[in-house]
Amino acid sequence: MKHHLPVYIFLAVTFIPLARQASGVQPAAKRVEINKTQQVLRAYEGKRLVLESPVSTGRAGMPTPDGEFTAGAKLRMHRSQLFHNAPMPFSVQFAGNYFIHGFYSVPSYPASHGCVRLPLDNAERFFNWVDSGTPIDITGH
């Protein structure tokens, strides 16, 4: 007599969540403030200051524009199309031909052609930290 053993079929079930549940903790929003009166850039994540750097903004007759902008194109090495192909390392565009970028000379007074100059070491840190779309608020005189 033949014995028939029961046949069991096992189904492997893999759980794949359709949407990740939020843990309630959102990354802090990034923002940048540039004060032309104080010649300083401050970068924040939420309320936490992550970078403070001296800057040199636009001199008389070539001012850095005031206003609310957002970080645009990021170029590790950009060259000025307006000023003799001048090197502008770690460039972050914020309006038209205006950039925040590294420079070898960053005096404590307005001296640029309208861009915001940062010391080279801080420019690299800023470049690596900032995201395209990060708000940039420029005030002062």
Protein backbone atom coordinates (compact mmCIF):
# COMPACT_ATOMS: atom_id res chain seq x y z
CA MET A 1 0.00 0.00 0.00
CA LYS A 2 1.29 3.39 -0.91
CA HIS A 3 1.37 6.11 1.68
CA HIS A 4 0.64 9.57 0.50
CA LEU A 5 2.45 12.17 2.48
CA PRO A 6 0.85 15.55 2.64
CA VAL A 7 2.46 18.16 0.44
CA TYR A 8 2.92 21.56 1.95
CA ILE A 9 3.53 24.63 -0.12
CA PHE A 10 5.36 27.41 1.62
CA LEU A 11 5.05 30.91 0.35
CA ALA A 12 7.77 33.33 1.18
CA VAL A 13 6.38 36.72 1.97
CA THR A 14 8.58 39.76 1.88
CA PHE A 15 7.34 42.95 3.44
CA ILE A 16 8.21 46.00 1.39
CA PRO A 17 6.87 49.20 2.88
CA LEU A 18 5.20 51.44 0.33
CA ALA A 19 6.14 54.58 2.17
CA ARG A 20 8.65 55.10 4.92
CA GLN A 21 7.06 56.26 8.14
CA ALA A 22 8.35 59.61 9.29
CA SER A 23 10.19 59.42 12.56
CA GLY A 24 8.92 62.86 13.48
CA VAL A 25 12.41 64.32 13.05
CA GLN A 26 12.88 66.36 9.92
CA PRO A 27 16.26 67.65 8.79
CA ALA A 28 16.74 71.24 9.83
CA ALA A 29 16.20 73.72 7.01
CA LYS A 30 19.34 75.35 5.68
CA ARG A 31 19.57 79.11 5.18
CA VAL A 32 22.26 81.71 4.57
CA GLU A 33 22.42 85.31 5.81
CA ILE A 34 24.90 87.80 4.40
CA ASN A 35 25.21 91.11 6.22
CA LYS A 36 26.99 93.69 4.07
CA THR A 37 27.27 96.16 6.94
CA GLN A 38 29.17 93.62 9.06
CA GLN A 39 30.83 91.93 6.04
CA VAL A 40 29.89 88.49 7.35
CA LEU A 41 28.20 85.34 6.05
CA ARG A 42 26.33 83.09 8.46
CA ALA A 43 25.03 79.66 7.45
CA TYR A 44 22.39 77.92 9.55
CA GLU A 45 20.71 74.55 9.84
CA GLY A 46 17.54 75.42 11.69
CA LYS A 47 18.70 77.61 14.56
CA ARG A 48 22.20 76.09 14.65
CA LEU A 49 25.01 78.23 13.22
CA VAL A 50 27.20 75.91 11.11
CA LEU A 51 29.50 78.45 9.45
CA GLU A 52 30.40 82.07 10.10
CA SER A 53 32.89 83.72 7.77
CA PRO A 54 34.17 87.16 6.91
CA VAL A 55 33.26 88.24 3.39
CA SER A 56 34.02 91.06 1.04
CA THR A 57 31.00 92.26 -0.92
CA GLY A 58 30.65 94.70 -3.82
CA ARG A 59 32.45 98.03 -3.67
CA ALA A 60 30.96 101.47 -4.46
CA GLY A 61 29.59 101.56 -7.99
CA MET A 62 29.43 97.74 -8.15
CA PRO A 63 27.29 96.77 -5.17
CA THR A 64 26.17 93.30 -4.20
CA PRO A 65 22.38 93.27 -4.58
CA ASP A 66 20.14 93.18 -1.51
CA GLY A 67 17.28 90.75 -1.37
CA GLU A 68 16.06 87.22 -0.90
CA PHE A 69 17.66 84.74 -3.28
CA THR A 70 18.22 81.01 -3.53
CA ALA A 71 21.43 79.14 -4.23
CA GLY A 72 21.60 78.22 -7.90
CA ALA A 73 24.34 76.59 -9.92
CA LYS A 74 27.36 75.27 -8.04
CA LEU A 75 30.63 75.26 -9.94
CA ARG A 76 33.84 73.95 -8.37
CA MET A 77 35.84 76.24 -10.67
CA HIS A 78 34.11 79.06 -12.50
CA ARG A 79 35.74 81.85 -14.46
CA SER A 80 34.27 85.33 -14.68
CA GLN A 81 32.79 86.12 -18.07
CA LEU A 82 32.75 89.82 -17.14
CA PHE A 83 36.15 90.38 -15.54
CA HIS A 84 39.10 89.03 -17.54
CA ASN A 85 38.35 85.33 -17.01
CA ALA A 86 39.17 85.74 -13.30
CA PRO A 87 39.12 82.44 -11.38
CA MET A 88 36.19 82.02 -9.00
CA PRO A 89 36.70 78.73 -7.12
CA PHE A 90 33.83 77.12 -5.21
CA SER A 91 31.22 79.32 -6.88
CA VAL A 92 27.56 79.32 -5.86
CA GLN A 93 25.36 81.46 -8.09
CA PHE A 94 22.63 83.44 -6.37
CA ALA A 95 21.48 85.95 -9.04
CA GLY A 96 22.47 86.36 -12.69
CA ASN A 97 26.22 87.02 -12.79
CA TYR A 98 26.47 87.24 -8.98
CA PHE A 99 28.19 84.45 -7.08
CA ILE A 100 29.42 83.58 -3.61
CA HIS A 101 32.94 82.27 -4.23
CA GLY A 102 36.40 81.78 -2.85
CA PHE A 103 39.09 84.37 -3.37
CA TYR A 104 42.67 84.88 -2.21
CA SER A 105 41.99 88.45 -1.04
CA VAL A 106 39.09 89.03 1.34
CA PRO A 107 39.52 92.40 3.05
CA SER A 108 37.11 93.39 5.80
CA TYR A 109 35.45 96.00 3.56
CA PRO A 110 33.52 95.94 0.25
CA ALA A 111 36.09 95.32 -2.50
CA SER A 112 34.56 92.97 -5.10
CA HIS A 113 32.85 93.66 -8.43
CA GLY A 114 29.53 92.66 -6.84
CA CYS A 115 30.10 89.04 -5.90
CA VAL A 116 30.50 87.84 -2.32
CA ARG A 117 34.10 86.78 -1.68
CA LEU A 118 34.92 84.17 0.95
CA PRO A 119 38.36 83.05 2.15
CA LEU A 120 39.27 79.91 0.17
CA ASP A 121 39.03 77.44 3.09
CA ASN A 122 35.58 78.73 4.11
CA ALA A 123 34.49 78.85 0.47
CA GLU A 124 35.15 75.14 0.09
CA ARG A 125 33.27 74.34 3.31
CA PHE A 126 30.36 76.52 2.21
CA PHE A 127 30.33 74.99 -1.30
CA ASN A 128 30.18 71.46 0.13
CA TRP A 129 27.46 72.39 2.65
CA VAL A 130 25.03 74.51 0.60
CA ASP A 131 22.37 72.88 -1.59
CA SER A 132 20.85 74.34 -4.73
CA GLY A 133 17.65 76.02 -3.56
CA THR A 134 18.99 77.03 -0.13
CA PRO A 135 17.58 80.49 0.76
CA ILE A 136 20.12 83.33 0.80
CA ASP A 137 19.16 86.64 2.42
CA ILE A 138 21.43 89.62 1.71
CA THR A 139 20.99 92.81 3.71
CA GLY A 140 22.93 95.88 4.81
CA HIS A 141 24.87 98.62 3.08
